[in-house]
N, C-alpha and C. Protein backbone atom coordinates (compact mmCIF):
# COMPACT_ATOMS: atom_id res chain seq x y z
N MET A 1 3.72 -7.34 13.69
CA MET A 1 3.49 -6.09 13.66
C MET A 1 2.39 -5.34 11.62
N LEU A 2 1.40 -4.59 11.97
CA LEU A 2 0.38 -4.82 11.31
C LEU A 2 1.33 -3.73 10.04
N ASN A 3 1.28 -3.16 8.96
CA ASN A 3 1.87 -2.95 8.14
C ASN A 3 1.28 -0.84 7.97
N ILE A 4 2.23 -0.30 8.83
CA ILE A 4 1.72 1.40 9.04
C ILE A 4 3.03 2.08 8.47
N ASN A 5 2.54 2.78 7.33
CA ASN A 5 4.02 3.98 6.71
C ASN A 5 4.19 5.04 7.82
N THR A 6 5.49 4.67 8.03
CA THR A 6 5.80 5.72 9.27
C THR A 6 7.25 6.71 8.36
N LYS A 7 7.28 6.29 7.27
CA LYS A 7 8.53 7.28 6.10
C LYS A 7 7.71 8.54 5.89
N GLY A 8 6.49 8.58 5.65
CA GLY A 8 5.66 9.44 4.90
C GLY A 8 5.70 9.60 3.68
N ASN A 9 4.80 11.02 3.08
CA ASN A 9 5.47 10.95 1.35
C ASN A 9 5.42 12.37 1.04
N LYS A 10 4.85 12.91 0.02
CA LYS A 10 5.54 14.41 -0.48
C LYS A 10 4.95 15.33 0.60
N LYS A 11 3.75 14.73 0.70
CA LYS A 11 2.79 16.08 1.27
C LYS A 11 2.92 15.56 2.87
N LEU A 12 2.87 14.41 3.23
CA LEU A 12 2.86 13.98 5.15
C LEU A 12 3.97 14.23 5.26
N ARG A 13 4.66 14.54 5.36
CA ARG A 13 6.18 15.01 5.36
C ARG A 13 6.53 14.82 6.96
N ASN A 14 7.71 13.88 8.34
CA ASN A 14 7.76 14.11 8.92
C ASN A 14 8.50 15.53 9.28
N ASN A 15 8.50 16.45 10.65
CA ASN A 15 9.34 17.65 10.66
C ASN A 15 9.81 17.51 12.15
N ASP A 16 10.28 18.77 12.86
CA ASP A 16 10.80 18.65 14.61
C ASP A 16 9.02 18.74 15.00
N ASN A 17 7.83 18.37 14.17
CA ASN A 17 6.43 19.85 14.91
C ASN A 17 6.08 18.48 15.10
N VAL A 18 5.39 17.29 14.50
CA VAL A 18 4.82 16.68 13.93
C VAL A 18 5.09 15.64 13.33
N ARG A 19 4.89 13.85 13.65
CA ARG A 19 4.84 12.40 13.21
C ARG A 19 3.80 12.18 12.08
N PHE A 20 3.67 11.61 11.03
CA PHE A 20 2.99 11.12 10.26
C PHE A 20 3.08 9.41 10.56
N MET A 21 1.75 8.47 10.02
CA MET A 21 1.60 7.08 10.54
C MET A 21 0.94 6.80 9.19
N ILE A 22 0.74 6.28 8.56
CA ILE A 22 -0.16 6.17 7.45
C ILE A 22 -1.29 4.76 6.89
N TRP A 23 -2.16 4.41 6.89
CA TRP A 23 -2.61 2.87 6.62
C TRP A 23 -3.02 3.35 5.27
N ASN A 24 -3.46 2.06 4.26
CA ASN A 24 -3.57 2.35 3.16
C ASN A 24 -3.66 1.20 3.06
N LEU A 25 -5.39 1.26 2.00
CA LEU A 25 -6.27 0.02 1.40
C LEU A 25 -6.14 0.48 -0.13
N PRO A 26 -6.31 -1.12 -0.95
CA PRO A 26 -6.22 -1.13 -2.32
C PRO A 26 -6.89 0.40 -2.83
N ALA A 27 -6.71 0.38 -3.81
CA ALA A 27 -7.43 1.85 -4.37
C ALA A 27 -8.89 1.69 -5.00
N GLN A 28 -9.62 2.59 -5.07
CA GLN A 28 -10.94 2.09 -5.75
C GLN A 28 -11.36 0.94 -5.73
N LYS A 29 -10.86 -0.33 -5.58
CA LYS A 29 -11.74 -2.08 -4.34
C LYS A 29 -12.37 -1.39 -3.43
N THR A 30 -11.50 -0.21 -2.61
CA THR A 30 -12.62 -0.42 -1.16
C THR A 30 -13.17 1.21 -1.08
N CYS A 31 -13.80 1.85 -2.08
CA CYS A 31 -13.97 3.06 -2.03
C CYS A 31 -15.51 2.65 -2.86
N PRO A 32 -16.62 2.13 -2.00
CA PRO A 32 -17.37 2.47 -2.24
C PRO A 32 -18.34 3.29 -2.92
N PHE A 33 -17.75 4.69 -2.40
CA PHE A 33 -18.75 5.63 -3.15
C PHE A 33 -18.00 6.54 -4.31
N ALA A 34 -17.07 5.31 -4.60
CA ALA A 34 -15.96 6.17 -5.55
C ALA A 34 -16.97 7.16 -6.64
N THR A 35 -16.20 8.80 -7.03
CA THR A 35 -17.58 9.05 -8.42
C THR A 35 -16.89 8.43 -8.68
N GLU A 36 -17.47 8.68 -10.73
CA GLU A 36 -16.28 8.86 -11.42
C GLU A 36 -14.89 9.70 -12.19
N HIS A 37 -15.74 10.84 -11.12
CA HIS A 37 -14.66 12.10 -11.08
C HIS A 37 -13.03 11.85 -10.27
N CYS A 38 -13.22 10.22 -9.26
CA CYS A 38 -12.32 9.93 -8.44
C CYS A 38 -11.73 8.99 -8.84
N LYS A 39 -12.65 7.71 -9.96
CA LYS A 39 -11.57 7.52 -10.37
C LYS A 39 -11.06 7.21 -11.86
N LYS A 40 -11.07 8.88 -12.28
CA LYS A 40 -10.22 9.05 -13.07
C LYS A 40 -9.11 9.42 -13.07
N TYR A 41 -9.13 10.58 -11.58
CA TYR A 41 -8.20 11.70 -11.45
C TYR A 41 -7.32 10.63 -10.06
N CYS A 42 -7.60 9.53 -9.92
CA CYS A 42 -7.03 8.66 -8.75
C CYS A 42 -5.59 8.24 -8.68
N TYR A 43 -4.82 9.54 -7.75
CA TYR A 43 -3.77 9.53 -7.36
C TYR A 43 -3.13 8.17 -7.03
N ALA A 44 -3.76 7.48 -6.25
CA ALA A 44 -3.65 6.19 -5.57
C ALA A 44 -3.74 4.64 -6.75
N LYS A 45 -4.15 5.15 -7.30
CA LYS A 45 -4.07 4.33 -8.64
C LYS A 45 -3.12 4.29 -9.11
N LYS A 46 -2.48 5.48 -9.62
CA LYS A 46 -1.52 5.78 -10.44
C LYS A 46 0.09 4.96 -9.58
N ALA A 47 -0.03 5.28 -8.13
CA ALA A 47 1.17 4.41 -7.53
C ALA A 47 0.72 2.87 -7.21
N GLU A 48 -0.48 2.38 -7.41
CA GLU A 48 -0.32 1.00 -7.86
C GLU A 48 0.19 0.27 -8.66
N ARG A 49 0.29 1.59 -9.94
CA ARG A 49 0.44 1.11 -11.44
C ARG A 49 1.86 1.00 -11.24
N ILE A 50 3.04 2.27 -10.84
CA ILE A 50 4.11 2.47 -10.87
C ILE A 50 5.04 1.85 -10.28
N TYR A 51 4.59 1.28 -8.95
CA TYR A 51 5.43 1.03 -8.16
C TYR A 51 4.89 -0.69 -7.55
N PRO A 52 5.85 -1.67 -8.08
CA PRO A 52 5.24 -3.19 -7.79
C PRO A 52 4.99 -3.65 -6.53
N ASN A 53 5.82 -2.81 -5.52
CA ASN A 53 5.54 -3.52 -4.65
C ASN A 53 4.09 -2.71 -3.26
N VAL A 54 3.39 -1.96 -4.30
CA VAL A 54 2.31 -0.99 -3.66
C VAL A 54 1.15 -1.64 -3.55
N LEU A 55 0.77 -2.24 -4.47
CA LEU A 55 -0.40 -2.57 -4.42
C LEU A 55 -0.57 -4.30 -3.48
N PRO A 56 0.39 -5.08 -3.55
CA PRO A 56 0.95 -6.37 -2.99
C PRO A 56 0.28 -5.64 -1.14
N SER A 57 0.73 -4.38 -1.02
CA SER A 57 0.89 -4.01 0.10
C SER A 57 -0.27 -3.96 0.82
N ARG A 58 -0.91 -3.26 -0.21
CA ARG A 58 -2.21 -2.61 0.38
C ARG A 58 -3.66 -3.82 0.61
N GLU A 59 -2.99 -4.77 -0.51
CA GLU A 59 -4.20 -6.32 0.01
C GLU A 59 -3.53 -6.68 0.75
N ARG A 60 -2.41 -7.20 1.09
CA ARG A 60 -2.42 -7.34 2.60
C ARG A 60 -3.03 -6.46 3.67
N ASN A 61 -2.29 -5.43 3.45
CA ASN A 61 -3.24 -4.79 4.50
C ASN A 61 -5.79 -5.03 4.18
N PHE A 62 -5.50 -5.19 3.35
CA PHE A 62 -6.55 -4.96 3.49
C PHE A 62 -7.25 -6.38 4.07
N VAL A 63 -6.87 -7.35 4.24
CA VAL A 63 -7.29 -8.63 4.45
C VAL A 63 -6.56 -8.70 6.26
N GLU A 64 -6.27 -8.06 6.44
CA GLU A 64 -5.93 -7.88 8.06
C GLU A 64 -6.85 -7.13 8.76
N SER A 65 -7.51 -6.49 7.76
CA SER A 65 -8.53 -5.57 8.22
C SER A 65 -9.49 -5.93 8.51
N THR A 66 -10.13 -7.24 7.59
CA THR A 66 -11.00 -8.25 8.08
C THR A 66 -11.13 -9.20 9.03
N LYS A 67 -10.27 -8.68 9.52
CA LYS A 67 -9.67 -10.57 10.75
C LYS A 67 -10.46 -9.08 11.88
N ARG A 68 -11.26 -10.57 12.36
CA ARG A 68 -11.45 -10.26 13.58
C ARG A 68 -10.77 -9.26 14.85
N ASP A 69 -9.73 -9.52 14.92
CA ASP A 69 -8.12 -9.44 15.37
C ASP A 69 -7.69 -7.67 14.87
N PHE A 70 -7.80 -7.68 13.83
CA PHE A 70 -7.85 -6.38 13.84
C PHE A 70 -7.59 -5.30 14.26
N VAL A 71 -8.29 -4.91 15.48
CA VAL A 71 -8.12 -3.64 16.29
C VAL A 71 -7.06 -4.24 17.08
N PHE A 72 -7.06 -5.42 17.90
CA PHE A 72 -6.26 -5.87 19.08
C PHE A 72 -4.56 -5.27 18.59
N ASN A 73 -4.31 -5.74 17.18
CA ASN A 73 -3.10 -6.06 16.23
C ASN A 73 -2.72 -4.13 16.07
N MET A 74 -3.84 -3.29 15.32
CA MET A 74 -3.82 -2.04 14.87
C MET A 74 -3.02 -1.13 16.49
N ILE A 75 -3.86 -1.66 17.74
CA ILE A 75 -3.94 -0.97 18.61
C ILE A 75 -2.31 -1.22 19.31
N THR A 76 -2.35 -2.75 19.24
CA THR A 76 -0.51 -2.99 19.20
C THR A 76 0.42 -2.15 18.57
N THR A 77 0.23 -2.26 17.39
CA THR A 77 1.21 -1.70 16.80
C THR A 77 1.56 -0.26 16.19
N ILE A 78 0.11 0.55 17.39
CA ILE A 78 0.35 1.89 17.23
C ILE A 78 1.49 2.34 19.03
N GLU A 79 0.58 1.22 19.41
CA GLU A 79 1.88 1.97 20.66
C GLU A 79 3.18 1.03 20.61
N THR A 80 3.19 -0.11 20.41
CA THR A 80 5.03 -0.33 19.56
C THR A 80 5.46 1.08 19.04
N LEU A 81 4.65 1.55 17.90
CA LEU A 81 5.23 2.17 17.59
C LEU A 81 5.59 4.58 17.86
N LEU A 82 4.73 4.25 18.58
CA LEU A 82 4.81 5.88 19.58
C LEU A 82 5.96 5.25 21.28
N ASN A 83 6.32 4.08 21.46
CA ASN A 83 6.98 4.64 22.27
C ASN A 83 8.72 3.73 21.51
N ARG A 84 8.58 4.16 20.44
CA ARG A 84 9.55 4.26 19.81
C ARG A 84 10.55 5.70 20.07
N LYS A 85 11.20 5.75 20.26
CA LYS A 85 12.13 6.93 20.08
C LYS A 85 12.07 8.62 19.79
N ALA A 86 11.53 7.92 17.76
CA ALA A 86 11.36 8.89 16.82
C ALA A 86 9.98 9.58 17.18
N TYR A 87 8.53 8.58 17.96
CA TYR A 87 7.72 9.26 18.30
C TYR A 87 7.19 8.94 19.67
N LYS A 88 7.67 8.67 20.97
CA LYS A 88 7.63 9.74 22.03
C LYS A 88 7.14 10.55 22.50
N ASP A 89 6.12 10.97 22.65
CA ASP A 89 6.56 12.47 23.90
C ASP A 89 5.97 13.27 22.14
N GLU A 90 5.78 13.09 21.18
CA GLU A 90 5.87 13.66 19.90
C GLU A 90 4.59 13.78 19.30
N LYS A 91 4.26 14.60 18.32
CA LYS A 91 2.29 14.83 17.74
C LYS A 91 2.62 14.07 16.81
N VAL A 92 1.95 13.40 16.96
CA VAL A 92 1.76 11.94 15.93
C VAL A 92 0.17 12.87 14.92
N TYR A 93 0.00 12.45 13.84
CA TYR A 93 -0.70 12.44 12.74
C TYR A 93 -0.78 11.27 12.40
N PHE A 94 -2.34 10.18 12.58
CA PHE A 94 -2.53 9.25 12.06
C PHE A 94 -3.68 9.20 10.81
N ARG A 95 -2.76 9.07 9.91
CA ARG A 95 -3.63 9.27 8.16
C ARG A 95 -4.50 8.02 7.71
N ILE A 96 -5.59 7.92 8.08
CA ILE A 96 -6.23 6.69 7.56
C ILE A 96 -6.90 6.90 6.31
N HIS A 97 -5.74 6.13 5.47
CA HIS A 97 -6.19 5.77 3.91
C HIS A 97 -6.11 7.19 2.74
N GLU A 98 -4.29 7.10 2.80
CA GLU A 98 -4.47 7.69 1.97
C GLU A 98 -4.95 7.59 0.59
N SER A 99 -4.54 5.82 0.70
CA SER A 99 -5.70 4.87 -0.47
C SER A 99 -6.77 4.22 -0.03
N GLY A 100 -8.23 4.53 -1.02
CA GLY A 100 -8.57 3.61 -0.27
C GLY A 100 -9.48 4.32 0.92
N ASP A 101 -11.17 4.14 1.71
CA ASP A 101 -11.85 4.04 2.44
C ASP A 101 -12.47 3.28 3.11
N PHE A 102 -13.75 3.64 4.14
CA PHE A 102 -14.68 2.89 4.35
C PHE A 102 -15.52 1.83 3.63
N TYR A 103 -14.82 0.94 3.68
CA TYR A 103 -15.83 0.15 2.48
C TYR A 103 -17.03 -0.58 3.15
N SER A 104 -16.89 -0.49 4.70
CA SER A 104 -18.51 -0.95 5.05
C SER A 104 -18.34 -0.08 6.83
N GLN A 105 -19.72 -0.36 6.68
CA GLN A 105 -19.99 -0.02 8.80
C GLN A 105 -18.93 -1.09 9.02
N VAL A 106 -19.10 -2.71 9.25
CA VAL A 106 -18.16 -3.08 9.72
C VAL A 106 -16.66 -2.29 10.06
N TYR A 107 -16.26 -2.73 9.45
CA TYR A 107 -14.55 -1.69 8.97
C TYR A 107 -14.22 -0.35 9.64
N PHE A 108 -15.34 0.52 9.81
CA PHE A 108 -15.34 1.78 9.83
C PHE A 108 -15.59 1.67 11.50
N ASP A 109 -16.30 0.56 12.08
CA ASP A 109 -16.35 0.87 13.64
C ASP A 109 -15.31 -0.04 14.35
N LYS A 110 -14.33 -0.63 13.37
CA LYS A 110 -13.55 -0.97 14.43
C LYS A 110 -12.40 0.02 14.44
N TRP A 111 -12.12 1.21 13.33
CA TRP A 111 -11.61 2.90 13.67
C TRP A 111 -12.09 3.14 14.73
N LEU A 112 -13.57 3.56 14.89
CA LEU A 112 -13.89 3.64 15.79
C LEU A 112 -13.45 3.02 17.26
N ASP A 113 -13.09 2.22 17.38
CA ASP A 113 -12.83 1.40 18.50
C ASP A 113 -11.65 2.12 18.79
N ILE A 114 -10.39 1.96 17.82
CA ILE A 114 -8.84 1.48 17.76
C ILE A 114 -9.00 3.82 18.31
N ALA A 115 -9.76 4.33 17.69
CA ALA A 115 -9.30 5.60 18.01
C ALA A 115 -9.61 6.44 19.12
N ASP A 116 -10.75 5.29 19.85
CA ASP A 116 -11.60 5.41 21.62
C ASP A 116 -10.27 5.05 22.23
N TYR A 117 -10.21 3.83 21.98
CA TYR A 117 -9.03 3.71 22.47
C TYR A 117 -7.38 4.59 23.38
N PHE A 118 -7.27 5.66 21.90
CA PHE A 118 -6.34 6.79 22.39
C PHE A 118 -6.50 7.56 22.71
N GLN A 119 -8.12 7.73 23.39
CA GLN A 119 -8.39 9.18 23.04
C GLN A 119 -8.23 9.99 24.68
N ASP A 120 -7.28 9.28 25.49
CA ASP A 120 -6.82 10.17 26.40
C ASP A 120 -4.68 10.09 26.01
N ASN A 121 -4.65 9.89 25.44
CA ASN A 121 -3.70 10.46 24.14
C ASN A 121 -3.79 11.62 23.51
N GLU A 122 -2.99 12.47 24.12
CA GLU A 122 -3.27 14.31 23.45
C GLU A 122 -1.58 14.04 21.91
N ASN A 123 -1.76 13.14 22.42
CA ASN A 123 -0.58 13.50 21.10
C ASN A 123 -1.02 12.66 19.59
N ILE A 124 -1.64 12.51 19.39
CA ILE A 124 -2.37 11.19 18.41
C ILE A 124 -3.87 12.07 17.87
N ILE A 125 -3.97 12.08 17.05
CA ILE A 125 -5.04 12.49 16.50
C ILE A 125 -4.79 11.68 15.30
N PHE A 126 -6.41 11.22 14.44
CA PHE A 126 -6.70 10.18 13.71
C PHE A 126 -7.74 11.12 12.50
N LEU A 127 -7.20 10.93 11.24
CA LEU A 127 -7.95 12.25 9.95
C LEU A 127 -8.01 10.95 9.05
N ALA A 128 -9.49 11.09 9.11
CA ALA A 128 -9.72 10.40 7.54
C ALA A 128 -10.79 10.83 6.63
N TYR A 129 -10.35 11.35 5.00
CA TYR A 129 -11.18 11.36 3.93
C TYR A 129 -11.71 10.55 3.79
N THR A 130 -12.95 10.84 3.21
CA THR A 130 -13.90 10.25 3.21
C THR A 130 -15.38 10.09 2.67
N LYS A 131 -15.84 9.26 1.12
CA LYS A 131 -16.94 9.87 0.80
C LYS A 131 -18.00 8.71 1.26
N SER A 132 -17.39 8.00 2.45
CA SER A 132 -18.50 6.64 3.09
C SER A 132 -19.56 7.45 4.33
N ILE A 133 -20.05 8.64 3.79
CA ILE A 133 -20.32 9.06 4.76
C ILE A 133 -21.46 8.23 5.82
N ASN A 134 -22.55 7.33 4.83
CA ASN A 134 -23.49 6.46 5.44
C ASN A 134 -23.04 5.97 6.71
N PHE A 135 -21.33 5.47 7.24
CA PHE A 135 -21.26 4.30 7.72
C PHE A 135 -20.90 5.68 9.21
N ILE A 136 -20.40 6.94 9.35
CA ILE A 136 -19.57 7.64 9.85
C ILE A 136 -20.72 8.00 11.04
N HIS A 137 -20.18 7.93 12.47
CA HIS A 137 -21.57 8.38 13.66
C HIS A 137 -20.18 8.25 15.22
N ASP A 138 -20.41 9.00 15.81
CA ASP A 138 -20.39 8.93 17.37
C ASP A 138 -19.22 8.93 17.14
N LEU A 139 -18.08 10.03 16.88
CA LEU A 139 -16.38 10.27 16.32
C LEU A 139 -16.31 10.79 17.73
N PRO A 140 -14.97 10.15 18.10
CA PRO A 140 -14.24 10.84 19.48
C PRO A 140 -13.57 12.29 18.79
N SER A 141 -13.28 12.74 20.10
CA SER A 141 -12.64 13.68 20.07
C SER A 141 -11.46 14.16 19.29
N ASN A 142 -11.22 12.43 18.97
CA ASN A 142 -9.29 12.77 18.61
C ASN A 142 -9.55 11.97 17.17
N PHE A 143 -10.52 12.26 16.16
CA PHE A 143 -10.91 10.92 15.30
C PHE A 143 -11.77 12.13 14.49
N ILE A 144 -10.57 12.65 13.10
CA ILE A 144 -11.40 14.05 12.36
C ILE A 144 -11.78 13.01 11.36
N VAL A 145 -12.79 13.51 10.18
CA VAL A 145 -13.52 12.86 9.19
C VAL A 145 -14.00 13.98 8.64
N ARG A 146 -13.61 14.13 7.03
CA ARG A 146 -13.89 14.97 6.96
C ARG A 146 -14.23 14.36 5.04
N PHE A 147 -15.87 14.81 4.64
CA PHE A 147 -16.44 14.70 4.11
C PHE A 147 -15.12 14.51 2.53
N SER A 148 -15.29 14.41 1.48
CA SER A 148 -14.26 14.22 0.28
C SER A 148 -15.04 14.89 -0.34
N LEU A 149 -15.66 16.10 -1.17
CA LEU A 149 -16.48 17.28 -2.10
C LEU A 149 -15.97 16.75 -3.42
N TRP A 150 -16.06 16.63 -4.32
CA TRP A 150 -16.01 16.79 -5.56
C TRP A 150 -16.98 17.48 -6.58
N ASP A 151 -16.27 17.91 -8.03
CA ASP A 151 -17.37 18.32 -8.58
C ASP A 151 -18.83 17.69 -9.26
N ASP A 152 -18.42 16.04 -8.89
CA ASP A 152 -19.70 15.32 -9.49
C ASP A 152 -20.37 14.60 -7.69
N THR A 153 -19.43 15.40 -6.75
CA THR A 153 -20.67 14.27 -6.03
C THR A 153 -22.48 14.55 -5.84
N PRO A 154 -22.71 13.56 -5.66
CA PRO A 154 -24.50 13.32 -5.71
C PRO A 154 -24.70 14.82 -5.55
N GLU A 155 -25.77 15.44 -5.12
CA GLU A 155 -26.86 16.53 -4.79
C GLU A 155 -27.00 15.95 -2.99
N LYS A 156 -27.60 14.84 -3.22
CA LYS A 156 -28.11 14.72 -1.82
C LYS A 156 -27.57 14.22 -0.82
N TYR A 157 -26.02 14.21 -1.33
CA TYR A 157 -24.70 13.44 0.12
C TYR A 157 -24.30 15.05 0.64
N ALA A 158 -24.07 16.07 -0.91
CA ALA A 158 -23.65 17.30 -0.45
C ALA A 158 -24.63 18.35 0.44
N PHE A 159 -25.96 18.10 -0.05
CA PHE A 159 -27.17 18.79 1.25
C PHE A 159 -27.05 17.68 2.37
N PHE A 160 -26.38 16.61 2.73
CA PHE A 160 -27.03 16.07 3.90
C PHE A 160 -25.82 16.45 4.67
N VAL A 161 -24.92 17.19 3.88
CA VAL A 161 -23.06 16.77 4.57
C VAL A 161 -23.62 18.38 4.97
N LYS A 162 -23.76 19.33 4.22
CA LYS A 162 -23.78 20.74 4.62
C LYS A 162 -25.13 21.25 5.85
N LEU A 163 -26.20 20.73 5.92
CA LEU A 163 -27.44 20.42 6.87
C LEU A 163 -26.88 19.75 7.78
N ALA A 164 -25.66 18.52 8.04
CA ALA A 164 -25.28 17.63 9.05
C ALA A 164 -24.25 18.54 9.99
N ASN A 165 -23.51 20.04 9.14
CA ASN A 165 -22.63 20.93 9.16
C ASN A 165 -21.40 20.00 9.33
N PHE A 166 -20.66 19.11 8.75
CA PHE A 166 -20.19 18.04 8.14
C PHE A 166 -18.50 18.50 7.80
N PRO A 167 -17.55 18.21 8.23
CA PRO A 167 -16.06 18.99 7.57
C PRO A 167 -16.05 18.32 6.42
N THR A 168 -15.39 19.27 5.74
CA THR A 168 -15.39 18.78 4.16
C THR A 168 -13.50 18.76 4.24
N TYR A 169 -13.56 18.88 2.82
CA TYR A 169 -12.13 19.05 2.26
C TYR A 169 -12.76 17.97 0.63
N SER A 170 -12.26 19.89 0.08
CA SER A 170 -12.08 19.79 -1.80
C SER A 170 -11.01 20.37 -2.05
N ALA A 171 -11.55 20.01 -3.99
CA ALA A 171 -10.23 20.43 -4.48
C ALA A 171 -11.03 21.19 -5.62
N ASP A 172 -9.78 22.52 -6.33
CA ASP A 172 -10.67 23.07 -7.23
C ASP A 172 -9.87 23.91 -7.91
N ARG A 173 -9.69 24.26 -8.84
CA ARG A 173 -9.03 25.63 -9.85
C ARG A 173 -9.78 26.70 -9.34
N LEU A 174 -8.75 27.34 -8.80
CA LEU A 174 -8.63 28.35 -7.64
C LEU A 174 -7.84 29.87 -8.26
N ASN A 175 -8.00 31.00 -8.29
CA ASN A 175 -7.02 32.13 -8.50
C ASN A 175 -6.76 32.66 -7.04
N VAL A 176 -5.64 34.00 -7.20
CA VAL A 176 -5.66 34.85 -5.91
C VAL A 176 -6.77 35.41 -5.41
N GLU A 177 -7.93 35.51 -6.15
CA GLU A 177 -8.78 35.84 -5.58
C GLU A 177 -10.06 35.20 -5.02
N ASP A 178 -10.02 34.12 -5.54
CA ASP A 178 -10.52 32.92 -4.65
C ASP A 178 -10.34 32.23 -3.18
N ILE A 179 -8.78 32.17 -3.38
CA ILE A 179 -7.64 31.88 -2.27
C ILE A 179 -8.38 33.04 -1.17
N ALA A 180 -8.36 34.46 -1.68
CA ALA A 180 -8.34 35.53 -0.15
C ALA A 180 -9.41 35.52 0.39
N LYS A 181 -10.44 35.01 -0.62
CA LYS A 181 -12.04 35.49 0.36
C LYS A 181 -11.80 33.51 0.88
N LEU A 182 -11.12 33.10 0.72
CA LEU A 182 -11.03 31.33 1.62
C LEU A 182 -10.45 31.70 2.93
N GLY A 183 -9.69 32.87 3.01
CA GLY A 183 -9.03 32.86 3.91
C GLY A 183 -8.71 31.42 4.66
N GLU A 184 -8.54 31.25 6.54
CA GLU A 184 -8.33 30.02 6.59
C GLU A 184 -8.45 28.62 6.45
N SER A 185 -10.10 28.42 5.62
CA SER A 185 -10.66 27.46 4.80
C SER A 185 -9.17 27.23 3.70
N TYR A 186 -8.70 27.84 3.43
CA TYR A 186 -7.95 27.33 2.27
C TYR A 186 -6.01 26.30 2.56
N CYS A 187 -5.89 25.80 1.60
CA CYS A 187 -4.77 24.71 2.50
C CYS A 187 -3.54 25.00 0.70
N ASP A 188 -3.10 25.23 1.41
CA ASP A 188 -1.83 25.23 -0.26
C ASP A 188 -1.68 23.99 -0.23
N CYS A 189 -2.02 22.74 -0.04
CA CYS A 189 -1.57 21.53 -0.01
C CYS A 189 0.23 21.22 -0.33
N LYS A 190 0.89 21.67 0.01
CA LYS A 190 2.16 21.04 -0.26
C LYS A 190 2.47 20.47 0.94
N ASP A 191 2.52 20.80 2.45
CA ASP A 191 3.13 20.16 3.34
C ASP A 191 1.74 19.60 4.50
N CYS A 192 1.66 18.68 4.70
CA CYS A 192 0.41 18.34 6.21
C CYS A 192 1.44 18.84 7.09
N GLY A 193 2.26 18.72 7.41
CA GLY A 193 2.96 18.68 9.05
C GLY A 193 3.71 20.02 9.09
N THR A 194 3.15 20.99 8.24
CA THR A 194 3.39 22.64 8.47
C THR A 194 2.57 23.06 8.57
N CYS A 195 1.22 22.51 7.29
CA CYS A 195 -0.13 23.26 7.30
C CYS A 195 -0.94 22.86 8.88
N GLY A 196 -1.45 21.53 8.21
CA GLY A 196 -2.08 21.14 10.08
C GLY A 196 -3.84 20.97 10.02
N LYS A 197 -3.99 22.41 9.23
CA LYS A 197 -5.26 22.48 8.72
C LYS A 197 -6.03 21.33 8.85
N CYS A 198 -6.44 20.93 7.97
CA CYS A 198 -7.29 19.84 7.99
C CYS A 198 -6.92 18.85 9.65
N TYR A 199 -6.49 19.17 10.71
CA TYR A 199 -6.33 18.04 11.58
C TYR A 199 -6.94 19.04 12.46
N ASP A 200 -7.02 20.71 12.59
CA ASP A 200 -7.99 21.07 13.73
C ASP A 200 -9.74 21.02 13.11
N ARG A 201 -10.40 20.82 14.20
CA ARG A 201 -11.66 20.32 13.69
C ARG A 201 -12.16 21.55 13.94
N THR A 202 -11.70 22.73 14.64
CA THR A 202 -12.73 23.74 14.70
C THR A 202 -12.34 24.35 13.02
N ILE A 203 -11.90 24.16 12.18
CA ILE A 203 -12.12 24.45 10.20
C ILE A 203 -12.57 24.00 9.97
N LYS A 204 -13.64 23.87 9.67
CA LYS A 204 -15.04 23.79 9.05
C LYS A 204 -14.80 22.73 7.58
N ASN A 205 -14.22 23.17 6.71
CA ASN A 205 -14.62 23.87 5.22
C ASN A 205 -12.94 24.10 4.93
N ILE A 206 -12.06 23.02 4.05
CA ILE A 206 -10.68 23.11 3.42
C ILE A 206 -11.05 22.13 2.16
N VAL A 207 -10.33 23.93 1.90
CA VAL A 207 -10.17 23.70 -0.07
C VAL A 207 -9.28 23.74 -0.50
N CYS A 208 -8.35 23.20 -1.69
CA CYS A 208 -7.26 23.43 -1.83
C CYS A 208 -6.94 23.65 -3.12
N ASN A 209 -6.18 23.96 -3.88
CA ASN A 209 -5.74 24.17 -5.60
C ASN A 209 -5.67 22.92 -6.20
N ILE A 210 -7.13 22.27 -6.86
CA ILE A 210 -6.93 21.10 -8.19
C ILE A 210 -4.83 20.43 -8.47
N HIS A 211 -4.35 19.64 -7.58
CA HIS A 211 -3.48 18.77 -8.22
C HIS A 211 -3.96 17.25 -8.57
């Protein structure tokens, strides 16, 4: 089986309503469109420095992702987990890349095939935040991709995302007045299992307080 995190993290917490699965790759190494802001404030990189087992685990995932049988192995692993008691008939949010990004067109297309395989399963939704907008195309209904906007995102990418009405996620320093204006687009960014806004494709733009 592939190394999928089923224990969650500080924000992706399993509860009575939803279960999480998380797939990670090495930070920055697999982020071809990372901005200087991304690199400077990368929380995923921090985890690799603090916890000795994190980077080797992500490196192994990266190697697996390059293999021809990655799609087959990922589908098999997910199916095995979904049949376990803790996941059977439960809503599942599959977070692609708590760390890392779609590093190539070939790699993104593999995830497209994986999500497409599970389209008939209403209980699982795939979500990724990305800057690899160049690779994204033809998303099935169970695959939500949000473009990650920062203050140093190149203008041409921000323009394209707005023109294409592409779902976004951004972080900024907000006060009470800002939050009130955002309405449902504001995320308190404390517990994704309770909030779930990013997994709702009808909410186009998500903004949280920078952390």
